[in-house]
């Protein structure tokens, strides 16, 4: 079933998930249908978001380069994308996975910032599952992030 492009963001009723232990679920916002705070062992934190957009949402490479800019990394080319990403299949769903860390100390001028994300194309939408925060916190949350992706349940009636 192809979803119409209404310009209206998806609702959390379109997808469900199992919240990993230690993640604090936040209220959804205009863009986010899911939002979580993750506390790290060193007192730092990370933010995880679930954002669905219509169509190709500008394209994978453009979004990845925008995210790279958010952690002061230079853009990559289309030819670099395959070396800088991998295809994962949590729950049998094919997703593009990226994981980048800043060169600079961007968190409190003491810690590097890490961004990991999975991009999933489904029925006329692009779903972005993105975690960003202090390097060690995001890295230690990777197993929970993968379990979260595996737990996704899409409502077939929407």
C-alpha atoms as a PDB file:
ATOM      1  CA  UNK A   1       0.000   0.000   0.000  1.00  0.00           C
ATOM      2  CA  UNK A   2       1.446   3.385  -0.980  1.00  0.00           C
ATOM      3  CA  UNK A   3       0.847   6.178   1.509  1.00  0.00           C
ATOM      4  CA  UNK A   4      -0.399   9.450   0.068  1.00  0.00           C
ATOM      5  CA  UNK A   5       1.967  12.392   0.343  1.00  0.00           C
ATOM      6  CA  UNK A   6      -0.170  14.555   2.591  1.00  0.00           C
ATOM      7  CA  UNK A   7       2.727  16.578   3.954  1.00  0.00           C
ATOM      8  CA  UNK A   8       1.580  15.484   7.423  1.00  0.00           C
ATOM      9  CA  UNK A   9       4.169  13.649   9.493  1.00  0.00           C
ATOM     10  CA  UNK A  10       3.490  10.060  10.459  1.00  0.00           C
ATOM     11  CA  UNK A  11       2.031   9.409  13.855  1.00  0.00           C
ATOM     12  CA  UNK A  12       3.408   7.063  16.468  1.00  0.00           C
ATOM     13  CA  UNK A  13       0.370   4.859  15.703  1.00  0.00           C
ATOM     14  CA  UNK A  14       2.126   3.808  12.482  1.00  0.00           C
ATOM     15  CA  UNK A  15       4.978   2.155  14.338  1.00  0.00           C
ATOM     16  CA  UNK A  16       5.617   0.607  17.719  1.00  0.00           C
ATOM     17  CA  UNK A  17       8.771  -0.476  19.507  1.00  0.00           C
ATOM     18  CA  UNK A  18      10.201  -1.897  22.685  1.00  0.00           C
ATOM     19  CA  UNK A  19      12.039   0.783  24.672  1.00  0.00           C
ATOM     20  CA  UNK A  20      15.458  -0.459  25.800  1.00  0.00           C
ATOM     21  CA  UNK A  21      16.234  -0.439  29.507  1.00  0.00           C
ATOM     22  CA  UNK A  22      17.778   2.860  30.557  1.00  0.00           C
ATOM     23  CA  UNK A  23      16.246   4.871  27.715  1.00  0.00           C
ATOM     24  CA  UNK A  24      13.833   7.568  28.837  1.00  0.00           C
ATOM     25  CA  UNK A  25      10.989   8.072  26.369  1.00  0.00           C
ATOM     26  CA  UNK A  26      10.115  11.710  25.680  1.00  0.00           C
ATOM     27  CA  UNK A  27       6.953  13.209  24.219  1.00  0.00           C
ATOM     28  CA  UNK A  28       6.793  13.207  20.412  1.00  0.00           C
ATOM     29  CA  UNK A  29       7.134  16.540  18.615  1.00  0.00           C
ATOM     30  CA  UNK A  30       6.177  17.986  15.240  1.00  0.00           C
ATOM     31  CA  UNK A  31       8.813  15.979  13.364  1.00  0.00           C
ATOM     32  CA  UNK A  32       9.542  13.188  15.818  1.00  0.00           C
ATOM     33  CA  UNK A  33       7.213  10.277  16.392  1.00  0.00           C
ATOM     34  CA  UNK A  34       9.715   8.880  18.888  1.00  0.00           C
ATOM     35  CA  UNK A  35      12.213  10.615  21.126  1.00  0.00           C
ATOM     36  CA  UNK A  36      14.477   9.152  23.801  1.00  0.00           C
ATOM     37  CA  UNK A  37      17.172  10.303  26.207  1.00  0.00           C
ATOM     38  CA  UNK A  38      20.028   7.959  27.048  1.00  0.00           C
ATOM     39  CA  UNK A  39      22.320   8.610  30.027  1.00  0.00           C
ATOM     40  CA  UNK A  40      25.934   7.562  29.814  1.00  0.00           C
ATOM     41  CA  UNK A  41      28.228   6.172  32.479  1.00  0.00           C
ATOM     42  CA  UNK A  42      30.269   9.390  32.534  1.00  0.00           C
ATOM     43  CA  UNK A  43      27.254  11.641  33.173  1.00  0.00           C
ATOM     44  CA  UNK A  44      26.964  12.600  29.506  1.00  0.00           C
ATOM     45  CA  UNK A  45      23.972  11.745  27.365  1.00  0.00           C
ATOM     46  CA  UNK A  46      22.626  10.969  23.947  1.00  0.00           C
ATOM     47  CA  UNK A  47      19.434  11.778  22.074  1.00  0.00           C
ATOM     48  CA  UNK A  48      17.655   9.202  19.894  1.00  0.00           C
ATOM     49  CA  UNK A  49      14.951  10.241  17.461  1.00  0.00           C
ATOM     50  CA  UNK A  50      12.494   8.528  15.129  1.00  0.00           C
ATOM     51  CA  UNK A  51      11.552  10.792  12.225  1.00  0.00           C
ATOM     52  CA  UNK A  52       9.504   9.704   9.188  1.00  0.00           C
ATOM     53  CA  UNK A  53       9.416  11.903   6.098  1.00  0.00           C
ATOM     54  CA  UNK A  54       7.592  11.566   2.799  1.00  0.00           C
ATOM     55  CA  UNK A  55       9.258  10.065  -0.246  1.00  0.00           C
ATOM     56  CA  UNK A  56      13.046   9.972  -0.465  1.00  0.00           C
ATOM     57  CA  UNK A  57      13.342  12.918   1.971  1.00  0.00           C
ATOM     58  CA  UNK A  58      16.092  14.546  -0.075  1.00  0.00           C
ATOM     59  CA  UNK A  59      18.109  11.372  -0.529  1.00  0.00           C
ATOM     60  CA  UNK A  60      20.321   9.289   1.739  1.00  0.00           C
ATOM     61  CA  UNK A  61      23.607  10.980   0.816  1.00  0.00           C
ATOM     62  CA  UNK A  62      22.227  14.500   1.355  1.00  0.00           C
ATOM     63  CA  UNK A  63      20.881  13.563   4.796  1.00  0.00           C
ATOM     64  CA  UNK A  64      24.097  11.803   5.784  1.00  0.00           C
ATOM     65  CA  UNK A  65      26.155  14.817   4.732  1.00  0.00           C
ATOM     66  CA  UNK A  66      23.840  17.151   6.667  1.00  0.00           C
ATOM     67  CA  UNK A  67      24.354  14.967   9.755  1.00  0.00           C
ATOM     68  CA  UNK A  68      28.128  14.908   9.183  1.00  0.00           C
ATOM     69  CA  UNK A  69      28.020  18.717   9.187  1.00  0.00           C
ATOM     70  CA  UNK A  70      26.238  18.616  12.561  1.00  0.00           C
ATOM     71  CA  UNK A  71      29.366  17.013  14.074  1.00  0.00           C
ATOM     72  CA  UNK A  72      31.872  19.117  12.087  1.00  0.00           C
ATOM     73  CA  UNK A  73      32.802  16.434   9.551  1.00  0.00           C
ATOM     74  CA  UNK A  74      33.235  17.222   5.875  1.00  0.00           C
ATOM     75  CA  UNK A  75      30.794  15.821   3.307  1.00  0.00           C
ATOM     76  CA  UNK A  76      31.419  12.519   1.571  1.00  0.00           C
ATOM     77  CA  UNK A  77      30.817  11.713  -2.088  1.00  0.00           C
ATOM     78  CA  UNK A  78      28.441   9.132  -3.517  1.00  0.00           C
ATOM     79  CA  UNK A  79      31.436   6.899  -4.242  1.00  0.00           C
ATOM     80  CA  UNK A  80      32.514   7.116  -0.569  1.00  0.00           C
ATOM     81  CA  UNK A  81      29.055   6.216   0.722  1.00  0.00           C
ATOM     82  CA  UNK A  82      29.467   2.444   0.435  1.00  0.00           C
ATOM     83  CA  UNK A  83      32.756   2.562   2.358  1.00  0.00           C
ATOM     84  CA  UNK A  84      31.238   4.863   5.005  1.00  0.00           C
ATOM     85  CA  UNK A  85      28.019   2.884   5.546  1.00  0.00           C
ATOM     86  CA  UNK A  86      26.695  -0.642   5.736  1.00  0.00           C
ATOM     87  CA  UNK A  87      23.445  -2.430   5.047  1.00  0.00           C
ATOM     88  CA  UNK A  88      21.881  -4.005   8.122  1.00  0.00           C
ATOM     89  CA  UNK A  89      18.713  -6.112   8.395  1.00  0.00           C
ATOM     90  CA  UNK A  90      17.289  -5.841  11.930  1.00  0.00           C
ATOM     91  CA  UNK A  91      13.968  -7.662  12.104  1.00  0.00           C
ATOM     92  CA  UNK A  92      14.438  -8.612   8.441  1.00  0.00           C
ATOM     93  CA  UNK A  93      14.192  -4.974   7.282  1.00  0.00           C
ATOM     94  CA  UNK A  94      16.924  -3.637   4.999  1.00  0.00           C
ATOM     95  CA  UNK A  95      18.352  -0.396   6.410  1.00  0.00           C
ATOM     96  CA  UNK A  96      21.333   1.790   5.619  1.00  0.00           C
ATOM     97  CA  UNK A  97      23.458   2.211   8.767  1.00  0.00           C
ATOM     98  CA  UNK A  98      26.053   4.900   9.415  1.00  0.00           C
ATOM     99  CA  UNK A  99      28.269   5.623  12.410  1.00  0.00           C
ATOM    100  CA  UNK A 100      30.499   8.726  12.570  1.00  0.00           C
ATOM    101  CA  UNK A 101      32.516  10.380  15.325  1.00  0.00           C
ATOM    102  CA  UNK A 102      33.745  13.966  15.379  1.00  0.00           C
ATOM    103  CA  UNK A 103      37.411  14.858  15.281  1.00  0.00           C
ATOM    104  CA  UNK A 104      36.803  17.773  17.637  1.00  0.00           C
ATOM    105  CA  UNK A 105      35.748  17.838  21.304  1.00  0.00           C
ATOM    106  CA  UNK A 106      32.189  19.074  20.700  1.00  0.00           C
ATOM    107  CA  UNK A 107      30.518  17.994  23.953  1.00  0.00           C
ATOM    108  CA  UNK A 108      31.429  20.394  26.782  1.00  0.00           C
ATOM    109  CA  UNK A 109      34.792  20.929  25.018  1.00  0.00           C
ATOM    110  CA  UNK A 110      35.842  17.610  26.601  1.00  0.00           C
ATOM    111  CA  UNK A 111      34.323  14.793  24.566  1.00  0.00           C
ATOM    112  CA  UNK A 112      33.936  13.842  20.937  1.00  0.00           C
ATOM    113  CA  UNK A 113      30.413  13.584  19.502  1.00  0.00           C
ATOM    114  CA  UNK A 114      29.165  10.406  17.808  1.00  0.00           C
ATOM    115  CA  UNK A 115      26.232  10.046  15.439  1.00  0.00           C
ATOM    116  CA  UNK A 116      24.781   6.684  14.463  1.00  0.00           C
ATOM    117  CA  UNK A 117      21.697   6.281  12.343  1.00  0.00           C
ATOM    118  CA  UNK A 118      19.663   3.822  10.346  1.00  0.00           C
ATOM    119  CA  UNK A 119      17.641   4.860   7.302  1.00  0.00           C
ATOM    120  CA  UNK A 120      14.673   2.722   6.287  1.00  0.00           C
ATOM    121  CA  UNK A 121      12.609   3.218   3.123  1.00  0.00           C
ATOM    122  CA  UNK A 122       9.060   1.885   3.470  1.00  0.00           C
ATOM    123  CA  UNK A 123       5.849   2.482   1.534  1.00  0.00           C
ATOM    124  CA  UNK A 124       6.572   5.978   0.260  1.00  0.00           C
ATOM    125  CA  UNK A 125       8.277   7.175   3.426  1.00  0.00           C
ATOM    126  CA  UNK A 126      11.831   7.380   4.667  1.00  0.00           C
ATOM    127  CA  UNK A 127      12.257   6.565   8.348  1.00  0.00           C
ATOM    128  CA  UNK A 128      15.262   7.983  10.197  1.00  0.00           C
ATOM    129  CA  UNK A 129      16.421   6.418  13.454  1.00  0.00           C
ATOM    130  CA  UNK A 130      19.225   8.666  14.683  1.00  0.00           C
ATOM    131  CA  UNK A 131      21.228   8.758  17.898  1.00  0.00           C
ATOM    132  CA  UNK A 132      23.632  11.585  18.621  1.00  0.00           C
ATOM    133  CA  UNK A 133      25.597  12.505  21.701  1.00  0.00           C
ATOM    134  CA  UNK A 134      28.805  12.016  23.610  1.00  0.00           C
ATOM    135  CA  UNK A 135      31.006   9.439  21.874  1.00  0.00           C
ATOM    136  CA  UNK A 136      31.285   6.772  24.604  1.00  0.00           C
ATOM    137  CA  UNK A 137      27.584   7.052  25.512  1.00  0.00           C
ATOM    138  CA  UNK A 138      26.426   6.515  21.929  1.00  0.00           C
ATOM    139  CA  UNK A 139      28.944   3.739  21.357  1.00  0.00           C
ATOM    140  CA  UNK A 140      27.857   1.888  24.508  1.00  0.00           C
ATOM    141  CA  UNK A 141      24.192   2.270  23.456  1.00  0.00           C
ATOM    142  CA  UNK A 142      24.784   0.595  20.068  1.00  0.00           C
ATOM    143  CA  UNK A 143      23.554  -2.878  21.173  1.00  0.00           C
ATOM    144  CA  UNK A 144      20.353  -1.313  22.579  1.00  0.00           C
ATOM    145  CA  UNK A 145      19.965   0.739  19.380  1.00  0.00           C
ATOM    146  CA  UNK A 146      20.161  -2.447  17.291  1.00  0.00           C
ATOM    147  CA  UNK A 147      17.636  -4.185  19.576  1.00  0.00           C
ATOM    148  CA  UNK A 148      15.348  -1.161  19.229  1.00  0.00           C
ATOM    149  CA  UNK A 149      15.526  -1.426  15.422  1.00  0.00           C
ATOM    150  CA  UNK A 150      14.816  -5.154  15.628  1.00  0.00           C
ATOM    151  CA  UNK A 151      11.772  -4.517  17.847  1.00  0.00           C
ATOM    152  CA  UNK A 152      10.037  -2.173  15.380  1.00  0.00           C
ATOM    153  CA  UNK A 153       6.459  -3.166  14.518  1.00  0.00           C
ATOM    154  CA  UNK A 154       4.801  -1.261  11.695  1.00  0.00           C
ATOM    155  CA  UNK A 155       1.006  -1.066  11.706  1.00  0.00           C
ATOM    156  CA  UNK A 156      -0.095  -2.448   8.367  1.00  0.00           C
ATOM    157  CA  UNK A 157      -3.429  -0.585   8.572  1.00  0.00           C
ATOM    158  CA  UNK A 158      -1.811   2.841   8.191  1.00  0.00           C
END
